[in-house]
N, C-alpha and C. Protein backbone atom coordinates (compact mmCIF):
# COMPACT_ATOMS: atom_id res chain seq x y z
N GLY A 1 0.81 -1.17 0.00
CA GLY A 1 0.00 0.00 0.00
C GLY A 1 0.86 1.24 0.00
N ILE A 2 0.25 2.32 -0.39
CA ILE A 2 0.91 3.62 -0.43
C ILE A 2 0.00 4.63 0.25
N MET A 3 0.59 5.53 1.05
CA MET A 3 -0.17 6.56 1.75
C MET A 3 0.50 7.90 1.53
N PHE A 4 -0.32 8.93 1.33
CA PHE A 4 0.14 10.31 1.20
C PHE A 4 -0.73 11.18 2.10
N ALA A 5 -0.13 12.10 2.84
CA ALA A 5 -0.91 13.01 3.68
C ALA A 5 -0.25 14.39 3.66
N TYR A 6 -1.08 15.43 3.65
CA TYR A 6 -0.59 16.80 3.68
C TYR A 6 -1.47 17.60 4.65
N SER A 7 -0.84 18.35 5.54
CA SER A 7 -1.55 19.21 6.47
C SER A 7 -0.98 20.62 6.36
N ASP A 8 -1.86 21.60 6.24
CA ASP A 8 -1.46 23.00 6.18
C ASP A 8 -1.95 23.66 7.46
N PHE A 9 -1.04 24.22 8.26
CA PHE A 9 -1.37 24.79 9.56
C PHE A 9 -1.61 26.29 9.48
N THR A 10 -2.51 26.80 10.31
CA THR A 10 -2.83 28.22 10.34
C THR A 10 -1.65 29.04 10.86
N SER A 11 -1.56 30.27 10.39
CA SER A 11 -0.51 31.19 10.87
C SER A 11 -0.95 31.93 12.13
N ASN A 12 -2.17 31.69 12.60
CA ASN A 12 -2.69 32.33 13.81
C ASN A 12 -2.10 31.61 15.03
N SER A 13 -1.18 32.27 15.73
CA SER A 13 -0.50 31.63 16.87
C SER A 13 -1.45 31.39 18.04
N GLY A 14 -2.62 32.03 18.05
CA GLY A 14 -3.61 31.78 19.09
C GLY A 14 -4.33 30.45 18.89
N ILE A 15 -4.27 29.92 17.68
CA ILE A 15 -4.92 28.65 17.36
C ILE A 15 -3.91 27.51 17.32
N TYR A 16 -2.73 27.74 16.69
CA TYR A 16 -1.76 26.65 16.56
C TYR A 16 -0.33 27.18 16.65
N GLN A 17 0.51 26.45 17.37
CA GLN A 17 1.95 26.69 17.39
C GLN A 17 2.63 25.33 17.34
N SER A 18 3.70 25.24 16.56
CA SER A 18 4.47 24.00 16.54
C SER A 18 5.22 23.84 17.85
N THR A 19 5.94 22.76 18.03
CA THR A 19 6.68 22.50 19.26
C THR A 19 8.17 22.40 18.95
N GLU A 20 8.97 23.14 19.71
CA GLU A 20 10.43 23.08 19.57
C GLU A 20 10.95 21.75 20.14
N ARG A 21 12.21 21.44 19.88
CA ARG A 21 12.83 20.22 20.41
C ARG A 21 12.82 20.18 21.94
N ASN A 22 12.90 21.33 22.58
CA ASN A 22 12.93 21.39 24.04
C ASN A 22 11.52 21.39 24.65
N GLY A 23 10.47 21.26 23.83
CA GLY A 23 9.11 21.19 24.32
C GLY A 23 8.40 22.53 24.41
N LEU A 24 9.10 23.63 24.17
CA LEU A 24 8.49 24.96 24.20
C LEU A 24 7.72 25.23 22.91
N PRO A 25 6.76 26.16 22.94
CA PRO A 25 6.01 26.49 21.73
C PRO A 25 6.92 27.06 20.65
N GLY A 26 6.69 26.63 19.43
CA GLY A 26 7.47 27.10 18.29
C GLY A 26 6.65 28.02 17.41
N PRO A 27 7.11 28.26 16.18
CA PRO A 27 6.39 29.16 15.28
C PRO A 27 5.08 28.54 14.80
N SER A 28 4.15 29.40 14.40
CA SER A 28 2.89 28.92 13.84
C SER A 28 3.03 28.78 12.33
N GLY A 29 1.97 28.32 11.68
CA GLY A 29 1.97 28.19 10.22
C GLY A 29 2.72 26.97 9.74
N GLY A 30 3.06 26.98 8.49
CA GLY A 30 3.81 25.89 7.89
C GLY A 30 2.92 24.73 7.46
N HIS A 31 3.56 23.62 7.17
CA HIS A 31 2.84 22.43 6.70
C HIS A 31 3.57 21.17 7.15
N GLU A 32 2.93 20.03 6.99
CA GLU A 32 3.54 18.73 7.22
C GLU A 32 3.13 17.83 6.06
N LEU A 33 4.08 17.08 5.53
CA LEU A 33 3.85 16.18 4.42
C LEU A 33 4.38 14.81 4.79
N SER A 34 3.62 13.73 4.56
CA SER A 34 4.11 12.38 4.84
C SER A 34 3.81 11.44 3.69
N LEU A 35 4.76 10.55 3.47
CA LEU A 35 4.64 9.50 2.47
C LEU A 35 4.97 8.18 3.14
N GLU A 36 4.17 7.15 2.88
CA GLU A 36 4.40 5.84 3.48
C GLU A 36 4.17 4.76 2.43
N SER A 37 4.99 3.73 2.51
CA SER A 37 4.83 2.57 1.64
C SER A 37 4.99 1.32 2.51
N PHE A 38 4.09 0.33 2.31
CA PHE A 38 4.15 -0.88 3.11
C PHE A 38 3.65 -2.07 2.29
N TYR A 39 3.94 -3.25 2.80
CA TYR A 39 3.51 -4.48 2.17
C TYR A 39 3.07 -5.46 3.26
N ILE A 40 1.95 -6.15 3.07
CA ILE A 40 1.50 -7.14 4.04
C ILE A 40 1.72 -8.53 3.45
N TRP A 41 2.51 -9.32 4.16
CA TRP A 41 2.82 -10.68 3.73
C TRP A 41 2.21 -11.65 4.73
N HIS A 42 1.24 -12.46 4.28
CA HIS A 42 0.62 -13.45 5.18
C HIS A 42 1.57 -14.62 5.36
N TRP A 43 2.06 -14.75 6.58
CA TRP A 43 3.03 -15.77 6.94
C TRP A 43 2.32 -17.11 7.06
N THR A 44 1.23 -17.13 7.80
CA THR A 44 0.37 -18.31 7.92
C THR A 44 -1.07 -17.80 7.78
N SER A 45 -2.05 -18.68 7.93
CA SER A 45 -3.44 -18.24 7.84
C SER A 45 -3.85 -17.35 9.01
N TRP A 46 -3.06 -17.34 10.10
CA TRP A 46 -3.40 -16.57 11.29
C TRP A 46 -2.36 -15.52 11.68
N SER A 47 -1.31 -15.34 10.86
CA SER A 47 -0.28 -14.35 11.19
C SER A 47 0.25 -13.68 9.93
N TYR A 48 0.81 -12.48 10.12
CA TYR A 48 1.36 -11.75 8.97
C TYR A 48 2.52 -10.86 9.41
N LEU A 49 3.32 -10.47 8.44
CA LEU A 49 4.40 -9.51 8.63
C LEU A 49 4.10 -8.31 7.75
N GLN A 50 4.37 -7.12 8.26
CA GLN A 50 4.14 -5.91 7.48
C GLN A 50 5.34 -4.99 7.59
N PRO A 51 6.30 -5.07 6.64
CA PRO A 51 7.40 -4.12 6.62
C PRO A 51 6.94 -2.84 5.94
N GLY A 52 7.54 -1.73 6.33
CA GLY A 52 7.18 -0.46 5.71
C GLY A 52 8.20 0.62 5.97
N VAL A 53 8.09 1.69 5.21
CA VAL A 53 8.94 2.87 5.37
C VAL A 53 8.04 4.10 5.33
N MET A 54 8.45 5.15 6.05
CA MET A 54 7.68 6.39 6.10
C MET A 54 8.64 7.57 6.15
N TRP A 55 8.30 8.63 5.40
CA TRP A 55 9.07 9.87 5.40
C TRP A 55 8.13 10.99 5.80
N ILE A 56 8.55 11.82 6.76
CA ILE A 56 7.75 12.96 7.22
C ILE A 56 8.56 14.23 7.00
N ASN A 57 8.00 15.15 6.21
CA ASN A 57 8.63 16.43 5.91
C ASN A 57 8.07 17.48 6.87
N SER A 58 8.92 18.21 7.53
CA SER A 58 8.61 19.24 8.54
C SER A 58 7.54 18.79 9.53
N PRO A 59 7.87 17.76 10.35
CA PRO A 59 6.90 17.24 11.31
C PRO A 59 6.38 18.31 12.27
N GLY A 60 5.06 18.39 12.41
CA GLY A 60 4.44 19.35 13.31
C GLY A 60 4.30 20.74 12.75
N GLY A 61 4.78 20.97 11.53
CA GLY A 61 4.63 22.28 10.90
C GLY A 61 5.54 23.33 11.49
N GLY A 62 5.10 24.57 11.44
CA GLY A 62 5.90 25.70 11.87
C GLY A 62 6.60 26.32 10.67
N ASP A 63 6.69 27.64 10.64
CA ASP A 63 7.35 28.33 9.53
C ASP A 63 8.30 29.36 10.10
N PRO A 64 9.60 29.10 10.18
CA PRO A 64 10.29 27.92 9.66
C PRO A 64 10.08 26.70 10.56
N ALA A 65 10.17 25.52 9.97
CA ALA A 65 9.95 24.27 10.71
C ALA A 65 11.07 24.05 11.73
N PRO A 66 10.73 23.90 13.02
CA PRO A 66 11.75 23.72 14.04
C PRO A 66 12.32 22.30 14.10
N LEU A 67 11.62 21.32 13.51
CA LEU A 67 12.07 19.93 13.55
C LEU A 67 12.55 19.47 12.18
N ASP A 68 13.58 18.63 12.15
CA ASP A 68 14.10 18.09 10.90
C ASP A 68 13.17 17.02 10.35
N ASP A 69 13.31 16.75 9.05
CA ASP A 69 12.55 15.66 8.43
C ASP A 69 12.90 14.34 9.10
N ASN A 70 11.97 13.39 9.07
CA ASN A 70 12.19 12.07 9.68
C ASN A 70 11.98 10.98 8.65
N PHE A 71 12.76 9.92 8.76
CA PHE A 71 12.60 8.72 7.95
C PHE A 71 12.47 7.55 8.91
N LEU A 72 11.42 6.76 8.76
CA LEU A 72 11.18 5.63 9.65
C LEU A 72 11.10 4.34 8.84
N ALA A 73 11.63 3.28 9.38
CA ALA A 73 11.46 1.94 8.82
C ALA A 73 10.93 1.06 9.94
N TYR A 74 9.97 0.20 9.63
CA TYR A 74 9.35 -0.60 10.68
C TYR A 74 9.00 -1.99 10.16
N LEU A 75 8.77 -2.89 11.12
CA LEU A 75 8.30 -4.24 10.84
C LEU A 75 7.21 -4.56 11.86
N LEU A 76 6.01 -4.72 11.38
CA LEU A 76 4.87 -5.05 12.22
C LEU A 76 4.60 -6.55 12.12
N VAL A 77 4.47 -7.21 13.26
CA VAL A 77 4.13 -8.63 13.29
C VAL A 77 2.72 -8.75 13.84
N GLY A 78 1.80 -9.35 13.08
CA GLY A 78 0.42 -9.45 13.49
C GLY A 78 -0.03 -10.89 13.68
N ILE A 79 -0.83 -11.10 14.70
CA ILE A 79 -1.40 -12.42 14.99
C ILE A 79 -2.90 -12.23 15.12
N GLU A 80 -3.66 -12.96 14.34
CA GLU A 80 -5.12 -12.89 14.38
C GLU A 80 -5.66 -14.09 15.13
N LEU A 81 -6.40 -13.83 16.18
CA LEU A 81 -6.96 -14.93 16.99
C LEU A 81 -8.39 -15.22 16.61
């Protein structure tokens, strides 16, 4: 599967502010963009593995964005009872 998400944040600091690395309020405005790709492989009739990767551009928004882009890789193991 493939996932795309885009969020555009308001520039009104009374409504939204991003968060700095130290936890303090950051700038308002900006956007966040994410892309994800994954695959589900049925291991048995009752279990599966789901590897995937995700990239997040300017997490949490803010203009300028206080946080760096993130790249995640994961492996989900599922058991259906």
